[in-house]
Amino acid sequence: MHAPELLPYLRGVLPETIVSFATNDGGVRIAPAFARAGVRVTWEGYLRNPYLLENDVCIRTPRQEILTARENELVTRIAETHVKPFPLVLLAVHDDPLPSIRRHLGTVGLA
């Protein structure tokens, strides 16, 4: 429903190459059954039916990047990691999320 407006944003700031669609099973992240079967999960598929994908998205960061980053780089990266996917929260809690998403993106300078 809101995919046409959200897809360009999500693909731009959270490319599918760094995003993982998974579920949490007792603290262990595992991919849903269809992803383990080799079906590629995309933002388009996630937006079409987030509940099928167990409504869980994470951002992957290689261990070496974390270990070699300066403290201020890590702080910035962690802050951005929480700001960028926030439109997904707004999508989940509002009947008409687009005005709130636009406001959020404008506030954080991502619009």
PDB file of N, CA and C in Angstrom:
ATOM      1  N   MET A   1       0.822  -1.195   0.000  1.00  0.00           N
ATOM      2  CA  MET A   1       0.000   0.000   0.000  1.00  0.00           C
ATOM      3  C   MET A   1       0.867   1.260   0.000  1.00  0.00           C
ATOM      4  N   HIS A   2       1.873   1.321   0.881  1.00  0.00           N
ATOM      5  CA  HIS A   2       2.750   2.485   0.953  1.00  0.00           C
ATOM      6  C   HIS A   2       4.102   2.225   0.286  1.00  0.00           C
ATOM      7  N   ALA A   3       4.246   1.061  -0.278  1.00  0.00           N
ATOM      8  CA  ALA A   3       5.526   0.660  -0.864  1.00  0.00           C
ATOM      9  C   ALA A   3       6.058   1.622  -1.913  1.00  0.00           C
ATOM     10  N   PRO A   4       5.226   2.117  -2.850  1.00  0.00           N
ATOM     11  CA  PRO A   4       5.793   2.997  -3.884  1.00  0.00           C
ATOM     12  C   PRO A   4       6.511   4.216  -3.314  1.00  0.00           C
ATOM     13  N   GLU A   5       6.019   4.742  -2.196  1.00  0.00           N
ATOM     14  CA  GLU A   5       6.658   5.913  -1.615  1.00  0.00           C
ATOM     15  C   GLU A   5       7.845   5.539  -0.723  1.00  0.00           C
ATOM     16  N   LEU A   6       7.775   4.388  -0.070  1.00  0.00           N
ATOM     17  CA  LEU A   6       8.830   3.989   0.858  1.00  0.00           C
ATOM     18  C   LEU A   6      10.007   3.278   0.201  1.00  0.00           C
ATOM     19  N   LEU A   7       9.759   2.575  -0.897  1.00  0.00           N
ATOM     20  CA  LEU A   7      10.838   1.792  -1.524  1.00  0.00           C
ATOM     21  C   LEU A   7      12.071   2.610  -1.873  1.00  0.00           C
ATOM     22  N   PRO A   8      11.940   3.767  -2.535  1.00  0.00           N
ATOM     23  CA  PRO A   8      13.154   4.523  -2.863  1.00  0.00           C
ATOM     24  C   PRO A   8      13.959   4.916  -1.621  1.00  0.00           C
ATOM     25  N   TYR A   9      13.264   5.309  -0.552  1.00  0.00           N
ATOM     26  CA  TYR A   9      13.953   5.664   0.695  1.00  0.00           C
ATOM     27  C   TYR A   9      14.693   4.454   1.265  1.00  0.00           C
ATOM     28  N   LEU A  10      13.974   3.352   1.426  1.00  0.00           N
ATOM     29  CA  LEU A  10      14.578   2.163   2.038  1.00  0.00           C
ATOM     30  C   LEU A  10      15.746   1.639   1.222  1.00  0.00           C
ATOM     31  N   ARG A  11      15.578   1.598  -0.084  1.00  0.00           N
ATOM     32  CA  ARG A  11      16.670   1.113  -0.941  1.00  0.00           C
ATOM     33  C   ARG A  11      17.868   2.052  -0.915  1.00  0.00           C
ATOM     34  N   GLY A  12      17.608   3.344  -0.713  1.00  0.00           N
ATOM     35  CA  GLY A  12      18.700   4.324  -0.692  1.00  0.00           C
ATOM     36  C   GLY A  12      19.502   4.310   0.594  1.00  0.00           C
ATOM     37  N   VAL A  13      18.815   4.311   1.741  1.00  0.00           N
ATOM     38  CA  VAL A  13      19.544   4.408   3.010  1.00  0.00           C
ATOM     39  C   VAL A  13      19.821   3.054   3.647  1.00  0.00           C
ATOM     40  N   LEU A  14      19.057   2.040   3.270  1.00  0.00           N
ATOM     41  CA  LEU A  14      19.257   0.690   3.815  1.00  0.00           C
ATOM     42  C   LEU A  14      19.253  -0.319   2.682  1.00  0.00           C
ATOM     43  N   PRO A  15      20.310  -0.329   1.865  1.00  0.00           N
ATOM     44  CA  PRO A  15      20.335  -1.260   0.739  1.00  0.00           C
ATOM     45  C   PRO A  15      20.213  -2.708   1.195  1.00  0.00           C
ATOM     46  N   GLU A  16      19.570  -3.515   0.377  1.00  0.00           N
ATOM     47  CA  GLU A  16      19.341  -4.917   0.726  1.00  0.00           C
ATOM     48  C   GLU A  16      20.642  -5.686   0.950  1.00  0.00           C
ATOM     49  N   THR A  17      21.768  -5.129   0.509  1.00  0.00           N
ATOM     50  CA  THR A  17      23.056  -5.796   0.716  1.00  0.00           C
ATOM     51  C   THR A  17      23.506  -5.740   2.172  1.00  0.00           C
ATOM     52  N   ILE A  18      22.961  -4.783   2.966  1.00  0.00           N
ATOM     53  CA  ILE A  18      23.364  -4.692   4.376  1.00  0.00           C
ATOM     54  C   ILE A  18      22.222  -5.028   5.328  1.00  0.00           C
ATOM     55  N   VAL A  19      21.055  -5.347   4.787  1.00  0.00           N
ATOM     56  CA  VAL A  19      19.890  -5.635   5.618  1.00  0.00           C
ATOM     57  C   VAL A  19      19.631  -7.126   5.636  1.00  0.00           C
ATOM     58  N   SER A  20      19.223  -7.607   6.800  1.00  0.00           N
ATOM     59  CA  SER A  20      18.873  -9.006   6.946  1.00  0.00           C
ATOM     60  C   SER A  20      17.446  -9.088   7.468  1.00  0.00           C
ATOM     61  N   PHE A  21      16.625  -9.881   6.820  1.00  0.00           N
ATOM     62  CA  PHE A  21      15.256 -10.103   7.260  1.00  0.00           C
ATOM     63  C   PHE A  21      15.270 -11.435   7.982  1.00  0.00           C
ATOM     64  N   ALA A  22      15.000 -11.425   9.279  1.00  0.00           N
ATOM     65  CA  ALA A  22      15.174 -12.640  10.065  1.00  0.00           C
ATOM     66  C   ALA A  22      14.191 -12.666  11.223  1.00  0.00           C
ATOM     67  N   THR A  23      14.306 -13.724  11.988  1.00  0.00           N
ATOM     68  CA  THR A  23      13.519 -13.855  13.206  1.00  0.00           C
ATOM     69  C   THR A  23      14.457 -14.154  14.354  1.00  0.00           C
ATOM     70  N   ASN A  24      13.995 -13.915  15.539  1.00  0.00           N
ATOM     71  CA  ASN A  24      14.808 -14.136  16.724  1.00  0.00           C
ATOM     72  C   ASN A  24      14.280 -15.368  17.433  1.00  0.00           C
ATOM     73  N   ASP A  25      15.089 -16.382  17.562  1.00  0.00           N
ATOM     74  CA  ASP A  25      14.684 -17.625  18.190  1.00  0.00           C
ATOM     75  C   ASP A  25      15.549 -17.853  19.428  1.00  0.00           C
ATOM     76  N   GLY A  26      15.079 -17.370  20.569  1.00  0.00           N
ATOM     77  CA  GLY A  26      15.841 -17.545  21.804  1.00  0.00           C
ATOM     78  C   GLY A  26      17.180 -16.841  21.788  1.00  0.00           C
ATOM     79  N   GLY A  27      17.238 -15.672  21.170  1.00  0.00           N
ATOM     80  CA  GLY A  27      18.480 -14.918  21.122  1.00  0.00           C
ATOM     81  C   GLY A  27      19.346 -15.228  19.916  1.00  0.00           C
ATOM     82  N   VAL A  28      18.948 -16.196  19.110  1.00  0.00           N
ATOM     83  CA  VAL A  28      19.715 -16.539  17.913  1.00  0.00           C
ATOM     84  C   VAL A  28      18.941 -16.070  16.695  1.00  0.00           C
ATOM     85  N   ARG A  29      19.585 -15.311  15.840  1.00  0.00           N
ATOM     86  CA  ARG A  29      18.905 -14.814  14.645  1.00  0.00           C
ATOM     87  C   ARG A  29      18.948 -15.886  13.563  1.00  0.00           C
ATOM     88  N   ILE A  30      17.769 -16.243  13.076  1.00  0.00           N
ATOM     89  CA  ILE A  30      17.681 -17.219  11.992  1.00  0.00           C
ATOM     90  C   ILE A  30      16.780 -16.663  10.907  1.00  0.00           C
ATOM     91  N   ALA A  31      17.063 -17.011   9.693  1.00  0.00           N
ATOM     92  CA  ALA A  31      16.241 -16.553   8.576  1.00  0.00           C
ATOM     93  C   ALA A  31      14.946 -17.341   8.537  1.00  0.00           C
ATOM     94  N   PRO A  32      13.846 -16.692   8.096  1.00  0.00           N
ATOM     95  CA  PRO A  32      12.605 -17.440   7.941  1.00  0.00           C
ATOM     96  C   PRO A  32      12.805 -18.621   6.983  1.00  0.00           C
ATOM     97  N   ALA A  33      11.929 -19.587   7.081  1.00  0.00           N
ATOM     98  CA  ALA A  33      12.067 -20.830   6.309  1.00  0.00           C
ATOM     99  C   ALA A  33      12.244 -20.582   4.822  1.00  0.00           C
ATOM    100  N   PHE A  34      11.471 -19.660   4.251  1.00  0.00           N
ATOM    101  CA  PHE A  34      11.589 -19.451   2.801  1.00  0.00           C
ATOM    102  C   PHE A  34      12.927 -18.838   2.431  1.00  0.00           C
ATOM    103  N   ALA A  35      13.513 -18.022   3.321  1.00  0.00           N
ATOM    104  CA  ALA A  35      14.831 -17.458   3.043  1.00  0.00           C
ATOM    105  C   ALA A  35      15.891 -18.548   3.125  1.00  0.00           C
ATOM    106  N   ARG A  36      15.746 -19.452   4.090  1.00  0.00           N
ATOM    107  CA  ARG A  36      16.693 -20.570   4.190  1.00  0.00           C
ATOM    108  C   ARG A  36      16.579 -21.472   2.964  1.00  0.00           C
ATOM    109  N   ALA A  37      15.398 -21.471   2.339  1.00  0.00           N
ATOM    110  CA  ALA A  37      15.185 -22.300   1.148  1.00  0.00           C
ATOM    111  C   ALA A  37      15.746 -21.636  -0.102  1.00  0.00           C
ATOM    112  N   GLY A  38      16.358 -20.455   0.040  1.00  0.00           N
ATOM    113  CA  GLY A  38      16.982 -19.799  -1.099  1.00  0.00           C
ATOM    114  C   GLY A  38      16.147 -18.712  -1.748  1.00  0.00           C
ATOM    115  N   VAL A  39      14.986 -18.398  -1.177  1.00  0.00           N
ATOM    116  CA  VAL A  39      14.156 -17.321  -1.714  1.00  0.00           C
ATOM    117  C   VAL A  39      14.735 -16.006  -1.223  1.00  0.00           C
ATOM    118  N   ARG A  40      15.064 -15.110  -2.134  1.00  0.00           N
ATOM    119  CA  ARG A  40      15.670 -13.830  -1.766  1.00  0.00           C
ATOM    120  C   ARG A  40      14.599 -12.880  -1.236  1.00  0.00           C
ATOM    121  N   VAL A  41      14.820 -12.347  -0.054  1.00  0.00           N
ATOM    122  CA  VAL A  41      13.890 -11.400   0.544  1.00  0.00           C
ATOM    123  C   VAL A  41      14.308  -9.995   0.133  1.00  0.00           C
ATOM    124  N   THR A  42      13.349  -9.190  -0.273  1.00  0.00           N
ATOM    125  CA  THR A  42      13.613  -7.815  -0.704  1.00  0.00           C
ATOM    126  C   THR A  42      12.745  -6.863   0.105  1.00  0.00           C
ATOM    127  N   TRP A  43      13.060  -5.567   0.011  1.00  0.00           N
ATOM    128  CA  TRP A  43      12.215  -4.570   0.648  1.00  0.00           C
ATOM    129  C   TRP A  43      10.797  -4.640   0.105  1.00  0.00           C
ATOM    130  N   GLU A  44      10.667  -4.866  -1.186  1.00  0.00           N
ATOM    131  CA  GLU A  44       9.342  -4.956  -1.792  1.00  0.00           C
ATOM    132  C   GLU A  44       8.531  -6.089  -1.156  1.00  0.00           C
ATOM    133  N   GLY A  45       9.161  -7.244  -0.996  1.00  0.00           N
ATOM    134  CA  GLY A  45       8.497  -8.376  -0.361  1.00  0.00           C
ATOM    135  C   GLY A  45       8.187  -8.106   1.098  1.00  0.00           C
ATOM    136  N   TYR A  46       9.110  -7.453   1.787  1.00  0.00           N
ATOM    137  CA  TYR A  46       8.897  -7.132   3.191  1.00  0.00           C
ATOM    138  C   TYR A  46       7.704  -6.190   3.350  1.00  0.00           C
ATOM    139  N   LEU A  47       7.649  -5.137   2.537  1.00  0.00           N
ATOM    140  CA  LEU A  47       6.552  -4.182   2.642  1.00  0.00           C
ATOM    141  C   LEU A  47       5.214  -4.795   2.243  1.00  0.00           C
ATOM    142  N   ARG A  48       5.256  -5.755   1.344  1.00  0.00           N
ATOM    143  CA  ARG A  48       4.023  -6.415   0.916  1.00  0.00           C
ATOM    144  C   ARG A  48       3.410  -7.213   2.064  1.00  0.00           C
ATOM    145  N   ASN A  49       4.263  -7.874   2.868  1.00  0.00           N
ATOM    146  CA  ASN A  49       3.747  -8.680   3.958  1.00  0.00           C
ATOM    147  C   ASN A  49       4.797  -8.838   5.065  1.00  0.00           C
ATOM    148  N   PRO A  50       4.965  -7.813   5.917  1.00  0.00           N
ATOM    149  CA  PRO A  50       5.992  -7.879   6.958  1.00  0.00           C
ATOM    150  C   PRO A  50       5.738  -8.981   7.984  1.00  0.00           C
ATOM    151  N   TYR A  51       4.479  -9.352   8.185  1.00  0.00           N
ATOM    152  CA  TYR A  51       4.177 -10.387   9.179  1.00  0.00           C
ATOM    153  C   TYR A  51       4.644 -11.759   8.713  1.00  0.00           C
ATOM    154  N   LEU A  52       4.568 -11.991   7.398  1.00  0.00           N
ATOM    155  CA  LEU A  52       5.074 -13.248   6.845  1.00  0.00           C
ATOM    156  C   LEU A  52       6.569 -13.373   7.119  1.00  0.00           C
ATOM    157  N   LEU A  53       7.247 -12.234   7.081  1.00  0.00           N
ATOM    158  CA  LEU A  53       8.689 -12.210   7.319  1.00  0.00           C
ATOM    159  C   LEU A  53       8.999 -12.010   8.795  1.00  0.00           C
ATOM    160  N   GLU A  54       8.024 -12.204   9.626  1.00  0.00           N
ATOM    161  CA  GLU A  54       8.145 -12.143  11.075  1.00  0.00           C
ATOM    162  C   GLU A  54       8.544 -10.758  11.561  1.00  0.00           C
ATOM    163  N   ASN A  55       8.311  -9.741  10.717  1.00  0.00           N
ATOM    164  CA  ASN A  55       8.427  -8.340  11.102  1.00  0.00           C
ATOM    165  C   ASN A  55       9.755  -8.005  11.776  1.00  0.00           C
ATOM    166  N   ASP A  56      10.831  -8.589  11.313  1.00  0.00           N
ATOM    167  CA  ASP A  56      12.133  -8.400  11.938  1.00  0.00           C
ATOM    168  C   ASP A  56      13.173  -8.064  10.876  1.00  0.00           C
ATOM    169  N   VAL A  57      13.831  -6.921  11.052  1.00  0.00           N
ATOM    170  CA  VAL A  57      14.848  -6.460  10.120  1.00  0.00           C
ATOM    171  C   VAL A  57      16.088  -6.097  10.929  1.00  0.00           C
ATOM    172  N   CYS A  58      17.257  -6.469  10.446  1.00  0.00           N
ATOM    173  CA  CYS A  58      18.486  -6.046  11.120  1.00  0.00           C
ATOM    174  C   CYS A  58      19.486  -5.556  10.078  1.00  0.00           C
ATOM    175  N   ILE A  59      20.443  -4.787  10.554  1.00  0.00           N
ATOM    176  CA  ILE A  59      21.493  -4.260   9.685  1.00  0.00           C
ATOM    177  C   ILE A  59      22.779  -5.000  10.029  1.00  0.00           C
ATOM    178  N   ARG A  60      23.375  -5.599   9.008  1.00  0.00           N
ATOM    179  CA  ARG A  60      24.605  -6.365   9.204  1.00  0.00           C
ATOM    180  C   ARG A  60      25.828  -5.454   9.099  1.00  0.00           C
ATOM    181  N   THR A  61      26.757  -5.649  10.016  1.00  0.00           N
ATOM    182  CA  THR A  61      28.021  -4.928   9.981  1.00  0.00           C
ATOM    183  C   THR A  61      29.133  -5.938  10.188  1.00  0.00           C
ATOM    184  N   PRO A  62      30.052  -6.019   9.238  1.00  0.00           N
ATOM    185  CA  PRO A  62      31.160  -6.960   9.402  1.00  0.00           C
ATOM    186  C   PRO A  62      31.957  -6.667  10.679  1.00  0.00           C
ATOM    187  N   ARG A  63      32.346  -7.703  11.360  1.00  0.00           N
ATOM    188  CA  ARG A  63      33.081  -7.593  12.621  1.00  0.00           C
ATOM    189  C   ARG A  63      34.318  -6.705  12.481  1.00  0.00           C
ATOM    190  N   GLN A  64      35.055  -6.873  11.387  1.00  0.00           N
ATOM    191  CA  GLN A  64      36.292  -6.110  11.206  1.00  0.00           C
ATOM    192  C   GLN A  64      36.016  -4.605  11.124  1.00  0.00           C
ATOM    193  N   GLU A  65      34.886  -4.226  10.537  1.00  0.00           N
ATOM    194  CA  GLU A  65      34.536  -2.796  10.481  1.00  0.00           C
ATOM    195  C   GLU A  65      34.322  -2.234  11.872  1.00  0.00           C
ATOM    196  N   ILE A  66      33.700  -3.012  12.725  1.00  0.00           N
ATOM    197  CA  ILE A  66      33.454  -2.558  14.095  1.00  0.00           C
ATOM    198  C   ILE A  66      34.766  -2.465  14.867  1.00  0.00           C
ATOM    199  N   LEU A  67      35.615  -3.469  14.714  1.00  0.00           N
ATOM    200  CA  LEU A  67      36.865  -3.503  15.467  1.00  0.00           C
ATOM    201  C   LEU A  67      37.843  -2.415  15.040  1.00  0.00           C
ATOM    202  N   THR A  68      37.794  -1.998  13.791  1.00  0.00           N
ATOM    203  CA  THR A  68      38.744  -0.995  13.298  1.00  0.00           C
ATOM    204  C   THR A  68      38.190   0.423  13.297  1.00  0.00           C
ATOM    205  N   ALA A  69      36.919   0.590  13.610  1.00  0.00           N
ATOM    206  CA  ALA A  69      36.311   1.928  13.589  1.00  0.00           C
ATOM    207  C   ALA A  69      36.747   2.736  14.807  1.00  0.00           C
ATOM    208  N   ARG A  70      36.850   4.046  14.599  1.00  0.00           N
ATOM    209  CA  ARG A  70      37.114   4.942  15.726  1.00  0.00           C
ATOM    210  C   ARG A  70      35.836   5.071  16.559  1.00  0.00           C
ATOM    211  N   GLU A  71      36.011   5.484  17.791  1.00  0.00           N
ATOM    212  CA  GLU A  71      34.864   5.589  18.707  1.00  0.00           C
ATOM    213  C   GLU A  71      33.768   6.498  18.133  1.00  0.00           C
ATOM    214  N   ASN A  72      34.148   7.674  17.629  1.00  0.00           N
ATOM    215  CA  ASN A  72      33.138   8.594  17.100  1.00  0.00           C
ATOM    216  C   ASN A  72      32.450   8.020  15.858  1.00  0.00           C
ATOM    217  N   GLU A  73      33.159   7.234  15.061  1.00  0.00           N
ATOM    218  CA  GLU A  73      32.539   6.580  13.904  1.00  0.00           C
ATOM    219  C   GLU A  73      31.496   5.564  14.351  1.00  0.00           C
ATOM    220  N   LEU A  74      31.821   4.803  15.404  1.00  0.00           N
ATOM    221  CA  LEU A  74      30.875   3.814  15.926  1.00  0.00           C
ATOM    222  C   LEU A  74      29.625   4.487  16.491  1.00  0.00           C
ATOM    223  N   VAL A  75      29.815   5.578  17.230  1.00  0.00           N
ATOM    224  CA  VAL A  75      28.678   6.300  17.802  1.00  0.00           C
ATOM    225  C   VAL A  75      27.773   6.799  16.684  1.00  0.00           C
ATOM    226  N   THR A  76      28.349   7.382  15.648  1.00  0.00           N
ATOM    227  CA  THR A  76      27.567   7.879  14.511  1.00  0.00           C
ATOM    228  C   THR A  76      26.845   6.738  13.819  1.00  0.00           C
ATOM    229  N   ARG A  77      27.540   5.647  13.611  1.00  0.00           N
ATOM    230  CA  ARG A  77      26.938   4.500  12.930  1.00  0.00           C
ATOM    231  C   ARG A  77      25.766   3.906  13.725  1.00  0.00           C
ATOM    232  N   ILE A  78      25.941   3.807  15.029  1.00  0.00           N
ATOM    233  CA  ILE A  78      24.865   3.281  15.878  1.00  0.00           C
ATOM    234  C   ILE A  78      23.662   4.215  15.852  1.00  0.00           C
ATOM    235  N   ALA A  79      23.902   5.513  15.933  1.00  0.00           N
ATOM    236  CA  ALA A  79      22.793   6.481  15.883  1.00  0.00           C
ATOM    237  C   ALA A  79      22.056   6.380  14.550  1.00  0.00           C
ATOM    238  N   GLU A  80      22.799   6.318  13.455  1.00  0.00           N
ATOM    239  CA  GLU A  80      22.171   6.198  12.138  1.00  0.00           C
ATOM    240  C   GLU A  80      21.405   4.884  12.003  1.00  0.00           C
ATOM    241  N   THR A  81      21.921   3.837  12.614  1.00  0.00           N
ATOM    242  CA  THR A  81      21.273   2.537  12.550  1.00  0.00           C
ATOM    243  C   THR A  81      19.889   2.585  13.190  1.00  0.00           C
ATOM    244  N   HIS A  82      19.710   3.428  14.183  1.00  0.00           N
ATOM    245  CA  HIS A  82      18.409   3.546  14.830  1.00  0.00           C
ATOM    246  C   HIS A  82      17.490   4.537  14.111  1.00  0.00           C
ATOM    247  N   VAL A  83      18.049   5.541  13.475  1.00  0.00           N
ATOM    248  CA  VAL A  83      17.241   6.552  12.800  1.00  0.00           C
ATOM    249  C   VAL A  83      16.701   6.052  11.459  1.00  0.00           C
ATOM    250  N   LYS A  84      17.530   5.399  10.690  1.00  0.00           N
ATOM    251  CA  LYS A  84      17.153   5.011   9.326  1.00  0.00           C
ATOM    252  C   LYS A  84      15.954   4.073   9.248  1.00  0.00           C
ATOM    253  N   PRO A  85      15.873   3.026  10.065  1.00  0.00           N
ATOM    254  CA  PRO A  85      14.713   2.140   9.946  1.00  0.00           C
ATOM    255  C   PRO A  85      13.473   2.623  10.708  1.00  0.00           C
ATOM    256  N   PHE A  86      13.548   3.770  11.384  1.00  0.00           N
ATOM    257  CA  PHE A  86      12.415   4.237  12.182  1.00  0.00           C
ATOM    258  C   PHE A  86      11.126   4.385  11.365  1.00  0.00           C
ATOM    259  N   PRO A  87      11.178   4.723  10.081  1.00  0.00           N
ATOM    260  CA  PRO A  87       9.927   4.748   9.309  1.00  0.00           C
ATOM    261  C   PRO A  87       9.169   3.419   9.342  1.00  0.00           C
ATOM    262  N   LEU A  88       9.870   2.312   9.542  1.00  0.00           N
ATOM    263  CA  LEU A  88       9.179   1.021   9.650  1.00  0.00           C
ATOM    264  C   LEU A  88       8.341   0.956  10.923  1.00  0.00           C
ATOM    265  N   VAL A  89       8.814   1.588  11.994  1.00  0.00           N
ATOM    266  CA  VAL A  89       8.037   1.653  13.228  1.00  0.00           C
ATOM    267  C   VAL A  89       6.779   2.481  12.987  1.00  0.00           C
ATOM    268  N   LEU A  90       6.946   3.623  12.335  1.00  0.00           N
ATOM    269  CA  LEU A  90       5.794   4.482  12.043  1.00  0.00           C
ATOM    270  C   LEU A  90       4.794   3.754  11.152  1.00  0.00           C
ATOM    271  N   LEU A  91       5.296   2.992  10.216  1.00  0.00           N
ATOM    272  CA  LEU A  91       4.440   2.200   9.335  1.00  0.00           C
ATOM    273  C   LEU A  91       3.612   1.206  10.147  1.00  0.00           C
ATOM    274  N   ALA A  92       4.204   0.662  11.189  1.00  0.00           N
ATOM    275  CA  ALA A  92       3.522  -0.353  11.998  1.00  0.00           C
ATOM    276  C   ALA A  92       2.484   0.230  12.946  1.00  0.00           C
ATOM    277  N   VAL A  93       2.657   1.467  13.371  1.00  0.00           N
ATOM    278  CA  VAL A  93       1.771   1.996  14.413  1.00  0.00           C
ATOM    279  C   VAL A  93       0.740   3.000  13.936  1.00  0.00           C
ATOM    280  N   HIS A  94       0.823   3.458  12.693  1.00  0.00           N
ATOM    281  CA  HIS A  94      -0.128   4.451  12.187  1.00  0.00           C
ATOM    282  C   HIS A  94      -0.975   3.879  11.056  1.00  0.00           C
ATOM    283  N   ASP A  95      -2.260   4.235  11.067  1.00  0.00           N
ATOM    284  CA  ASP A  95      -3.128   3.844   9.950  1.00  0.00           C
ATOM    285  C   ASP A  95      -2.710   4.559   8.670  1.00  0.00           C
ATOM    286  N   ASP A  96      -2.321   5.824   8.800  1.00  0.00           N
ATOM    287  CA  ASP A  96      -1.834   6.606   7.665  1.00  0.00           C
ATOM    288  C   ASP A  96      -0.437   7.104   8.031  1.00  0.00           C
ATOM    289  N   PRO A  97       0.594   6.282   7.806  1.00  0.00           N
ATOM    290  CA  PRO A  97       1.934   6.605   8.309  1.00  0.00           C
ATOM    291  C   PRO A  97       2.709   7.625   7.489  1.00  0.00           C
ATOM    292  N   LEU A  98       2.312   7.879   6.252  1.00  0.00           N
ATOM    293  CA  LEU A  98       3.158   8.704   5.385  1.00  0.00           C
ATOM    294  C   LEU A  98       3.379  10.126   5.908  1.00  0.00           C
ATOM    295  N   PRO A  99       2.378  10.835   6.452  1.00  0.00           N
ATOM    296  CA  PRO A  99       2.685  12.171   7.003  1.00  0.00           C
ATOM    297  C   PRO A  99       3.726  12.109   8.127  1.00  0.00           C
ATOM    298  N   SER A 100       3.615  11.117   9.010  1.00  0.00           N
ATOM    299  CA  SER A 100       4.590  10.983  10.101  1.00  0.00           C
ATOM    300  C   SER A 100       5.967  10.618   9.566  1.00  0.00           C
ATOM    301  N   ILE A 101       6.010   9.769   8.568  1.00  0.00           N
ATOM    302  CA  ILE A 101       7.296   9.380   7.966  1.00  0.00           C
ATOM    303  C   ILE A 101       7.944  10.581   7.305  1.00  0.00           C
ATOM    304  N   ARG A 102       7.171  11.356   6.559  1.00  0.00           N
ATOM    305  CA  ARG A 102       7.727  12.563   5.910  1.00  0.00           C
ATOM    306  C   ARG A 102       8.280  13.535   6.955  1.00  0.00           C
ATOM    307  N   ARG A 103       7.517  13.733   8.042  1.00  0.00           N
ATOM    308  CA  ARG A 103       7.960  14.628   9.113  1.00  0.00           C
ATOM    309  C   ARG A 103       9.264  14.129   9.732  1.00  0.00           C
ATOM    310  N   HIS A 104       9.332  12.826  10.015  1.00  0.00           N
ATOM    311  CA  HIS A 104      10.545  12.228  10.592  1.00  0.00           C
ATOM    312  C   HIS A 104      11.741  12.416   9.658  1.00  0.00           C
ATOM    313  N   LEU A 105      11.550  12.119   8.397  1.00  0.00           N
ATOM    314  CA  LEU A 105      12.663  12.231   7.441  1.00  0.00           C
ATOM    315  C   LEU A 105      13.139  13.673   7.317  1.00  0.00           C
ATOM    316  N   GLY A 106      12.211  14.615   7.351  1.00  0.00           N
ATOM    317  CA  GLY A 106      12.587  16.015   7.289  1.00  0.00           C
ATOM    318  C   GLY A 106      13.348  16.451   8.539  1.00  0.00           C
ATOM    319  N   THR A 107      12.924  15.947   9.688  1.00  0.00           N
ATOM    320  CA  THR A 107      13.563  16.286  10.955  1.00  0.00           C
ATOM    321  C   THR A 107      14.991  15.791  11.021  1.00  0.00           C
ATOM    322  N   VAL A 108      15.239  14.593  10.534  1.00  0.00           N
ATOM    323  CA  VAL A 108      16.596  14.019  10.620  1.00  0.00           C
ATOM    324  C   VAL A 108      17.432  14.291   9.363  1.00  0.00           C
ATOM    325  N   GLY A 109      16.874  15.052   8.434  1.00  0.00           N
ATOM    326  CA  GLY A 109      17.635  15.419   7.242  1.00  0.00           C
ATOM    327  C   GLY A 109      17.791  14.324   6.207  1.00  0.00           C
ATOM    328  N   LEU A 110      16.838  13.388   6.161  1.00  0.00           N
ATOM    329  CA  LEU A 110      16.908  12.311   5.179  1.00  0.00           C
ATOM    330  C   LEU A 110      15.861  12.453   4.077  1.00  0.00           C
ATOM    331  N   ALA A 111      15.070  13.501   4.132  1.00  0.00           N
ATOM    332  CA  ALA A 111      14.017  13.685   3.126  1.00  0.00           C
ATOM    333  C   ALA A 111      14.597  14.141   1.811  1.00  0.00           C
TER     334      ALA A 111
END
